Amino acid sequence: MVVDTVIVLFNRDLRVHDHPALSAACGRARRVIPLFVLDPVVPSGRRGPFLAACLTDLRDSLRARGGDLILRRGDVVTETLRLARETAAEAVFTSADVSELARTRQRRLSDGIELRRFPGVTVVPPDLLRPTGGGDHYRVFTPYWRAWQRAVRRAVLPAPGHVPTPSGIHPGELPDGDRQGGETRARERLRAWSSRHLSHYAEGHDDLAGDTTSRLSPYLRFGCLSPLELSTLANDDFTRQLCWRDFYHQVTFAFPRINRDDYRARGHQWRDDEAALQAWQAGQTGVPIVDAGMRQLLSEGWMHNRARLITASYLVKHLKIDWRSGAAHFFDLLLDGDVADNFGNWQWVAGTGNDTRPNRTFNPILQARRFDPEGCYVRAHVPELADVPNAHVHQPWNSSTPVRGYPSPLRIPGPEPTLF
């Protein structure tokens, strides 16, 4: 059925390749209006310049195909419906998302106009798989992984050859970007990384100093890469990481308050210690591997996944500080900050989420010795320890000569945690 005018509302899907909503609109409508709404109420944290670069690249890609990206500022639903009235649009096509905010927007939109939701944010739609024993979603990863591997995939779609955006619509001014984001840059990085590192991903992805991980997560967070397309190019070890991403999206679809409430309440008694929290945030805990991770986050807006596990475990298991405080800090600073992945992983580490071993603890000293044995990662991010002998990079407080300018480890009231 051909319609006259459709708005394609972009959110976390800032690409033209394998974009089901855009492809469907171009195949069914005489006029297609790509739209992105910058909502000032929704904090972008440190992601603002990266998002701006993504939007600039998307506009260039659409213009190369005869279209354009229309940018508006304000409430997403209000601005979308206003543009629909101005252009006599009959429907809005968009990629279905899982967060509470996204689903509330979709419900509000559907009250004002025909709304069509399409896949594209995940490899497998979050509501597709159900446990064989009953329940609305998988609560444990391994059975989900098995079901996910067997799930039938849709076909990867090519970028549309032509996007028939009508003239006469003011495109709106794009914010300034940092030139790092966008689909073009993402596809270039994917090609370069996969040719060098994909074949030995399993051996190198936990090497903190080696830094051979893909660093594609910010591009996945903004949908500059299709996770489905990426899954067709990757090996099983890398694909498993994409499955973890899908896993947390289906958990969030079933439990949309994942960023606020314990998924599994276990009676934790959290400590209120603002000084310790600030020391952790600043990378001044006195535990080198923890400080290295936190300082990488501060300087780059990114952190190695192994370091994320170590730093998060230190906050919740050693300092006994509420996971929500740590998750909020990560979410504010990470370029790949995403509700499902960020808060799902934090709850996993805290023991309130999907981990079948809720008392699991990552000993930072043992983790440093295993995944940064030469101390190269620590030295790269903690300059106070750049000239410290290797044995003391892991435990500088054991040195007969304390490291000038570097703090002693934080101590907390009560029994000492198993740390050293």
Protein backbone atom coordinates (compact mmCIF):
# COMPACT_ATOMS: atom_id res chain seq x y z
CA MET A 1 0.00 0.00 0.00
CA VAL A 2 1.45 3.33 -1.09
CA VAL A 3 0.86 6.40 1.10
CA ASP A 4 1.65 10.01 0.38
CA THR A 5 3.84 11.24 3.28
CA VAL A 6 5.65 9.44 6.09
CA ILE A 7 7.90 10.86 8.81
CA VAL A 8 10.83 8.63 9.76
CA LEU A 9 11.64 9.48 13.37
CA PHE A 10 15.28 8.72 14.16
CA ASN A 11 16.38 8.07 17.73
CA ARG A 12 19.13 5.51 18.40
CA ASP A 13 19.40 4.44 14.76
CA LEU A 14 21.49 7.15 13.08
CA ARG A 15 22.39 5.35 9.86
CA VAL A 16 21.10 4.61 6.37
CA HIS A 17 22.37 1.02 6.01
CA ASP A 18 20.06 -1.72 7.32
CA HIS A 19 17.46 0.71 8.62
CA PRO A 20 14.08 -1.07 8.36
CA ALA A 21 11.96 1.99 9.17
CA LEU A 22 13.72 4.14 6.56
CA SER A 23 13.67 1.38 3.95
CA ALA A 24 9.97 0.74 4.50
CA ALA A 25 9.14 4.43 4.20
CA CYS A 26 11.14 4.78 0.98
CA GLY A 27 9.36 1.75 -0.45
CA ARG A 28 5.82 2.76 0.51
CA ALA A 29 5.61 6.56 0.56
CA ARG A 30 5.78 9.20 -2.14
CA ARG A 31 7.37 11.64 0.31
CA VAL A 32 9.71 10.68 3.18
CA ILE A 33 10.63 13.16 5.91
CA PRO A 34 13.58 12.02 8.08
CA LEU A 35 13.36 13.73 11.48
CA PHE A 36 15.48 13.98 14.61
CA VAL A 37 14.34 15.96 17.65
CA LEU A 38 16.88 17.25 20.16
CA ASP A 39 15.06 17.19 23.49
CA PRO A 40 16.77 19.54 26.00
CA VAL A 41 15.03 17.78 28.89
CA VAL A 42 16.91 14.56 28.17
CA PRO A 43 20.50 14.92 29.44
CA SER A 44 23.08 13.86 26.87
CA GLY A 45 25.96 13.94 29.35
CA ARG A 46 29.25 13.84 27.54
CA ARG A 47 27.62 12.39 24.45
CA GLY A 48 26.43 15.71 23.03
CA PRO A 49 29.34 16.40 20.62
CA PHE A 50 29.43 12.75 19.52
CA LEU A 51 25.69 12.83 18.84
CA ALA A 52 26.11 16.06 16.86
CA ALA A 53 28.75 14.40 14.67
CA CYS A 54 26.39 11.46 14.11
CA LEU A 55 23.63 13.81 13.00
CA THR A 56 25.94 15.69 10.64
CA ASP A 57 27.03 12.46 9.01
CA LEU A 58 23.43 11.24 8.75
CA ARG A 59 22.35 14.48 7.07
CA ASP A 60 25.20 14.14 4.56
CA SER A 61 24.19 10.56 3.77
CA LEU A 62 20.54 11.49 3.30
CA ARG A 63 21.38 14.48 1.11
CA ALA A 64 23.56 12.26 -1.07
CA ARG A 65 20.38 10.24 -1.69
CA GLY A 66 18.18 13.20 -2.51
CA GLY A 67 16.80 13.57 1.00
CA ASP A 68 17.61 15.58 4.11
CA LEU A 69 17.56 15.34 7.88
CA ILE A 70 15.05 17.67 9.48
CA LEU A 71 16.19 18.78 12.92
CA ARG A 72 13.87 20.18 15.55
CA ARG A 73 14.36 21.07 19.24
CA GLY A 74 11.88 20.42 22.02
CA ASP A 75 9.65 17.61 23.21
CA VAL A 76 9.95 14.75 20.73
CA VAL A 77 6.24 13.97 20.57
CA THR A 78 5.14 17.59 20.35
CA GLU A 79 7.62 18.44 17.59
CA THR A 80 6.89 15.28 15.61
CA LEU A 81 3.14 15.87 15.66
CA ARG A 82 3.65 19.54 14.75
CA LEU A 83 5.72 18.56 11.71
CA ALA A 84 3.11 15.95 10.79
CA ARG A 85 0.41 18.62 10.74
CA GLU A 86 2.57 21.01 8.72
CA THR A 87 3.36 18.39 6.07
CA ALA A 88 0.09 16.41 6.16
CA ALA A 89 2.06 13.28 7.08
CA GLU A 90 -0.14 10.22 7.44
CA ALA A 91 2.15 8.11 9.61
CA VAL A 92 5.36 8.00 11.62
CA PHE A 93 7.81 5.13 11.13
CA THR A 94 10.38 4.57 13.87
CA SER A 95 12.71 1.96 15.35
CA ALA A 96 11.24 0.24 18.41
CA ASP A 97 13.25 0.81 21.58
CA VAL A 98 13.09 -0.65 25.09
CA SER A 99 13.70 2.09 27.67
CA GLU A 100 10.84 3.46 29.71
CA LEU A 101 11.35 6.91 28.16
CA ALA A 102 11.31 5.56 24.60
CA ARG A 103 8.21 3.46 25.12
CA THR A 104 6.36 6.32 26.79
CA ARG A 105 7.17 8.48 23.76
CA GLN A 106 5.88 5.79 21.43
CA ARG A 107 2.62 5.45 23.35
CA ARG A 108 2.12 9.22 23.27
CA LEU A 109 2.86 9.35 19.55
CA SER A 110 0.40 6.57 18.78
CA ASP A 111 -2.36 8.63 20.43
CA GLY A 112 -1.85 11.38 17.84
CA ILE A 113 -0.93 9.64 14.58
CA GLU A 114 -0.50 6.21 13.03
CA LEU A 115 2.78 4.85 14.40
CA ARG A 116 4.68 1.94 12.86
CA ARG A 117 7.50 0.39 14.90
CA PHE A 118 10.33 -1.48 13.19
CA PRO A 119 13.27 -3.58 14.40
CA GLY A 120 16.85 -2.36 14.16
CA VAL A 121 18.12 -1.46 17.63
CA THR A 122 19.04 -5.08 18.47
CA VAL A 123 19.99 -8.22 16.55
CA VAL A 124 16.91 -10.10 17.75
CA PRO A 125 13.79 -8.12 18.75
CA PRO A 126 13.60 -7.91 22.55
CA ASP A 127 10.11 -9.42 22.74
CA LEU A 128 10.75 -12.32 20.34
CA LEU A 129 12.29 -15.00 22.56
CA ARG A 130 10.50 -16.59 25.51
CA PRO A 131 11.81 -19.23 27.94
CA THR A 132 10.49 -22.71 27.23
CA GLY A 133 9.52 -23.12 30.87
CA GLY A 134 7.38 -19.99 30.85
CA GLY A 135 7.91 -16.35 31.73
CA ASP A 136 8.00 -13.13 29.78
CA HIS A 137 11.80 -12.97 29.34
CA TYR A 138 15.07 -14.77 29.99
CA ARG A 139 16.57 -13.99 33.40
CA VAL A 140 19.82 -15.93 32.89
CA PHE A 141 22.21 -15.35 30.01
CA THR A 142 23.30 -18.88 29.01
CA PRO A 143 19.84 -20.22 28.05
CA TYR A 144 19.16 -16.92 26.29
CA TRP A 145 22.43 -17.32 24.35
CA ARG A 146 21.34 -20.77 23.16
CA ALA A 147 17.91 -19.54 22.07
CA TRP A 148 19.40 -16.40 20.51
CA GLN A 149 21.78 -18.45 18.36
CA ARG A 150 18.84 -20.45 16.95
CA ALA A 151 16.57 -17.45 16.35
CA VAL A 152 15.63 -16.65 12.75
CA ARG A 153 17.09 -13.32 11.61
CA ARG A 154 15.56 -10.86 9.22
CA ALA A 155 17.56 -9.98 6.12
CA VAL A 156 20.15 -7.19 6.28
CA LEU A 157 18.82 -4.30 4.19
CA PRO A 158 20.87 -2.14 1.84
CA ALA A 159 20.83 1.63 2.16
CA PRO A 160 18.01 3.14 0.09
CA GLY A 161 19.13 4.50 -3.27
CA HIS A 162 16.78 7.48 -3.07
CA VAL A 163 15.08 9.27 -0.17
CA PRO A 164 12.27 11.45 -1.58
CA THR A 165 12.21 14.29 0.95
CA PRO A 166 10.00 17.16 -0.18
CA SER A 167 11.46 20.63 -0.60
CA GLY A 168 10.34 23.64 1.35
CA ILE A 169 10.83 22.24 4.87
CA HIS A 170 13.33 24.18 6.92
CA PRO A 171 16.05 21.63 7.81
CA GLY A 172 17.07 23.15 11.13
CA GLU A 173 20.55 23.94 12.39
CA LEU A 174 22.77 21.09 13.52
CA PRO A 175 24.81 21.45 16.73
CA ASP A 176 28.59 21.41 16.53
CA GLY A 177 30.14 17.94 16.53
CA ASP A 178 33.51 16.40 17.36
CA ARG A 179 34.04 14.59 14.01
CA GLN A 180 34.35 11.23 15.78
CA GLY A 181 30.76 10.05 15.48
CA GLY A 182 28.65 8.94 12.56
CA GLU A 183 28.02 5.97 10.30
CA THR A 184 30.87 6.76 7.90
CA ARG A 185 33.44 6.80 10.69
CA ALA A 186 31.88 3.70 12.25
CA ARG A 187 32.12 1.64 9.09
CA GLU A 188 35.71 2.76 8.55
CA ARG A 189 36.61 1.73 12.10
CA LEU A 190 34.85 -1.61 11.71
CA ARG A 191 36.81 -2.42 8.55
CA ALA A 192 40.15 -1.40 10.08
CA TRP A 193 39.62 -3.21 13.38
CA SER A 194 38.18 -6.42 11.93
CA SER A 195 41.07 -6.81 9.48
CA ARG A 196 43.62 -6.58 12.32
CA HIS A 197 42.01 -7.95 15.46
CA LEU A 198 38.76 -9.84 14.90
CA SER A 199 40.41 -13.22 14.24
CA HIS A 200 42.08 -13.23 17.67
CA TYR A 201 39.37 -11.37 19.59
CA ALA A 202 39.01 -14.14 22.20
CA GLU A 203 42.70 -14.01 23.09
CA GLY A 204 43.02 -10.25 23.30
CA HIS A 205 39.75 -8.69 24.44
CA ASP A 206 40.66 -8.82 28.16
CA ASP A 207 44.18 -7.44 27.71
CA LEU A 208 43.90 -4.03 29.32
CA ALA A 209 47.11 -2.57 27.91
CA GLY A 210 46.79 -4.27 24.51
CA ASP A 211 43.67 -2.26 23.73
CA THR A 212 42.58 -4.54 20.88
CA THR A 213 38.85 -4.27 21.61
CA SER A 214 36.77 -2.82 18.80
CA ARG A 215 35.69 0.40 20.55
CA LEU A 216 32.56 0.19 18.44
CA SER A 217 30.23 0.52 21.43
CA PRO A 218 29.57 4.28 21.05
CA TYR A 219 28.62 3.68 17.41
CA LEU A 220 26.30 0.85 18.42
CA ARG A 221 24.77 3.01 21.13
CA PHE A 222 23.77 5.64 18.54
CA GLY A 223 22.89 3.09 15.88
CA CYS A 224 25.63 4.19 13.49
CA LEU A 225 26.16 0.47 12.91
CA SER A 226 23.43 -2.12 12.57
CA PRO A 227 23.93 -4.77 15.28
CA LEU A 228 22.38 -7.32 12.93
CA GLU A 229 24.78 -6.49 10.12
CA LEU A 230 27.67 -6.58 12.58
CA SER A 231 26.62 -10.03 13.80
CA THR A 232 26.88 -11.40 10.25
CA LEU A 233 30.49 -10.22 9.99
CA ALA A 234 31.75 -11.29 13.42
CA ASN A 235 33.01 -14.59 14.85
CA ASP A 236 31.32 -16.42 17.73
CA ASP A 237 33.41 -14.77 20.45
CA PHE A 238 32.56 -11.26 19.32
CA THR A 239 28.97 -12.21 18.51
CA ARG A 240 28.55 -13.37 22.09
CA GLN A 241 29.14 -9.77 23.19
CA LEU A 242 26.36 -8.64 20.85
CA CYS A 243 24.15 -11.26 22.46
CA TRP A 244 24.89 -9.80 25.91
CA ARG A 245 23.71 -6.47 24.53
CA ASP A 246 20.48 -8.06 23.26
CA PHE A 247 20.08 -9.89 26.57
CA TYR A 248 20.01 -6.68 28.58
CA HIS A 249 17.64 -5.08 26.09
CA GLN A 250 15.12 -7.90 26.55
CA VAL A 251 15.56 -7.63 30.33
CA THR A 252 14.90 -3.88 30.15
CA PHE A 253 11.89 -4.45 27.90
CA ALA A 254 10.40 -6.63 30.66
CA PHE A 255 11.73 -4.52 33.56
CA PRO A 256 11.84 -0.89 32.36
CA ARG A 257 12.78 0.44 35.82
CA ILE A 258 16.19 -1.24 35.57
CA ASN A 259 17.91 2.14 36.01
CA ARG A 260 16.18 2.79 39.33
CA ASP A 261 15.01 -0.37 41.08
CA ASP A 262 16.79 -3.58 42.06
CA TYR A 263 15.97 -6.26 39.51
CA ARG A 264 16.36 -8.77 42.32
CA ALA A 265 16.19 -7.21 45.77
CA ARG A 266 18.68 -8.96 48.07
CA GLY A 267 18.53 -6.77 51.15
CA HIS A 268 21.74 -4.84 50.53
CA GLN A 269 22.64 -2.21 53.11
CA TRP A 270 24.50 0.47 51.16
CA ARG A 271 26.84 3.00 52.77
CA ASP A 272 26.38 6.73 52.30
CA ASP A 273 29.99 7.94 51.95
CA GLU A 274 30.27 10.97 49.69
CA ALA A 275 34.04 11.34 50.21
CA ALA A 276 34.70 7.75 49.13
CA LEU A 277 32.36 8.13 46.14
CA GLN A 278 34.15 11.29 45.02
CA ALA A 279 37.56 9.62 45.40
CA TRP A 280 36.34 6.73 43.24
CA GLN A 281 34.94 9.12 40.63
CA ALA A 282 38.22 11.03 40.47
CA GLY A 283 40.45 7.96 40.30
CA GLN A 284 41.97 8.68 43.71
CA THR A 285 41.17 5.48 45.61
CA GLY A 286 44.80 4.41 46.08
CA VAL A 287 44.15 1.15 44.17
CA PRO A 288 46.06 1.62 40.91
CA ILE A 289 43.98 -0.55 38.58
CA VAL A 290 40.77 1.08 39.82
CA ASP A 291 42.21 4.56 39.48
CA ALA A 292 43.50 3.80 35.98
CA GLY A 293 40.04 2.77 34.83
CA MET A 294 38.31 5.76 36.36
CA ARG A 295 40.83 8.18 34.88
CA GLN A 296 40.47 6.60 31.45
CA LEU A 297 36.74 7.24 31.77
CA LEU A 298 37.34 10.87 32.71
CA SER A 299 39.78 11.53 29.87
CA GLU A 300 38.25 9.48 27.05
CA GLY A 301 34.57 9.01 27.81
CA TRP A 302 35.24 5.28 27.42
CA MET A 303 36.64 2.47 29.54
CA HIS A 304 37.90 -1.01 28.74
CA ASN A 305 35.21 -3.57 29.60
CA ARG A 306 37.47 -5.47 32.01
CA ALA A 307 38.20 -2.19 33.81
CA ARG A 308 34.46 -1.50 34.02
CA LEU A 309 33.98 -4.76 35.90
CA ILE A 310 36.89 -4.05 38.24
CA THR A 311 35.92 -0.46 39.05
CA ALA A 312 32.24 -1.26 39.51
CA SER A 313 32.97 -4.23 41.77
CA TYR A 314 35.31 -2.10 43.88
CA LEU A 315 32.59 0.49 44.46
CA VAL A 316 29.77 -1.87 45.38
CA LYS A 317 31.60 -4.83 46.94
CA HIS A 318 34.50 -3.09 48.72
CA LEU A 319 33.24 0.43 49.42
CA LYS A 320 29.64 -0.84 49.79
CA ILE A 321 28.24 2.17 47.92
CA ASP A 322 24.89 1.89 46.11
CA TRP A 323 25.22 0.70 42.51
CA ARG A 324 22.91 3.53 41.40
CA SER A 325 25.58 6.12 42.30
CA GLY A 326 28.20 4.37 40.20
CA ALA A 327 25.85 3.66 37.31
CA ALA A 328 24.76 7.30 37.16
CA HIS A 329 28.40 8.43 37.00
CA PHE A 330 29.16 6.00 34.18
CA PHE A 331 25.99 6.96 32.32
CA ASP A 332 26.90 10.63 32.48
CA LEU A 333 30.43 10.21 31.14
CA LEU A 334 30.37 7.22 28.77
CA LEU A 335 30.01 7.87 25.06
CA ASP A 336 28.30 4.49 24.88
CA GLY A 337 26.09 5.21 27.90
CA ASP A 338 22.89 3.25 27.29
CA VAL A 339 20.11 2.46 29.75
CA ALA A 340 19.89 -1.29 29.12
CA ASP A 341 23.60 -2.06 28.92
CA ASN A 342 24.86 0.35 31.57
CA PHE A 343 22.33 -0.32 34.29
CA GLY A 344 21.97 -4.01 33.45
CA ASN A 345 25.71 -4.53 33.81
CA TRP A 346 25.88 -2.51 37.02
CA GLN A 347 23.13 -4.60 38.58
CA TRP A 348 24.94 -7.76 37.44
CA VAL A 349 28.09 -6.63 39.27
CA ALA A 350 26.16 -5.47 42.33
CA GLY A 351 24.43 -8.82 42.74
CA THR A 352 20.97 -7.31 42.28
CA GLY A 353 20.72 -8.23 38.60
CA ASN A 354 21.06 -11.28 36.37
CA ASP A 355 24.25 -12.81 37.76
CA THR A 356 23.60 -16.32 39.10
CA ARG A 357 26.44 -15.69 41.59
CA PRO A 358 25.29 -12.52 43.38
CA ASN A 359 28.25 -12.57 45.79
CA ARG A 360 30.84 -12.55 43.00
CA THR A 361 33.69 -10.10 43.71
CA PHE A 362 36.48 -8.96 41.41
CA ASN A 363 39.64 -8.68 43.50
CA PRO A 364 41.36 -5.66 41.91
CA ILE A 365 44.89 -6.77 42.77
CA LEU A 366 44.46 -10.23 41.29
CA GLN A 367 42.68 -8.74 38.27
CA ALA A 368 45.56 -6.32 37.70
CA ARG A 369 48.16 -9.06 37.91
CA ARG A 370 46.23 -11.18 35.42
CA PHE A 371 45.10 -8.59 32.87
CA ASP A 372 47.80 -5.90 33.26
CA PRO A 373 50.80 -7.96 34.42
CA GLU A 374 53.43 -5.42 33.32
CA GLY A 375 51.48 -2.47 34.70
CA CYS A 376 51.33 -0.79 31.28
CA TYR A 377 47.63 0.10 31.53
CA VAL A 378 48.11 1.60 34.99
CA ARG A 379 51.13 3.64 33.93
CA ALA A 380 49.29 4.96 30.88
CA HIS A 381 46.51 6.45 32.99
CA VAL A 382 48.09 7.13 36.41
CA PRO A 383 51.13 9.34 35.75
CA GLU A 384 52.13 9.34 39.44
CA LEU A 385 53.08 5.67 38.97
CA ALA A 386 54.86 6.03 35.64
CA ASP A 387 58.28 5.38 37.16
CA VAL A 388 57.28 2.99 39.93
CA PRO A 389 58.79 -0.55 39.82
CA ASN A 390 56.40 -3.08 38.37
CA ALA A 391 55.64 -4.93 41.62
CA HIS A 392 54.59 -1.67 43.21
CA VAL A 393 52.36 -0.58 40.35
CA HIS A 394 49.91 -3.14 41.66
CA GLN A 395 50.45 -2.34 45.35
CA PRO A 396 52.45 0.90 45.72
CA TRP A 397 51.50 1.20 49.40
CA ASN A 398 53.68 -1.86 50.12
CA SER A 399 56.76 -0.02 48.93
CA SER A 400 59.26 1.05 51.58
CA THR A 401 59.13 4.46 49.93
CA PRO A 402 55.54 5.71 49.43
CA VAL A 403 54.79 7.19 46.03
CA ARG A 404 54.73 10.96 46.31
CA GLY A 405 51.37 12.43 45.38
CA TYR A 406 49.57 9.08 45.23
CA PRO A 407 46.99 8.31 47.94
CA SER A 408 46.89 5.34 50.28
CA PRO A 409 43.95 2.96 49.71
CA LEU A 410 40.59 4.06 51.03
CA ARG A 411 39.62 2.49 54.31
CA ILE A 412 36.04 1.96 55.38
CA PRO A 413 34.56 1.41 58.83
CA GLY A 414 33.98 -2.16 59.98
CA PRO A 415 35.64 -5.41 58.89
CA GLU A 416 38.21 -5.01 56.12
CA PRO A 417 37.05 -6.44 52.78
CA THR A 418 39.20 -9.07 51.10
CA LEU A 419 41.18 -6.74 48.88
CA PHE A 420 44.93 -7.24 49.17
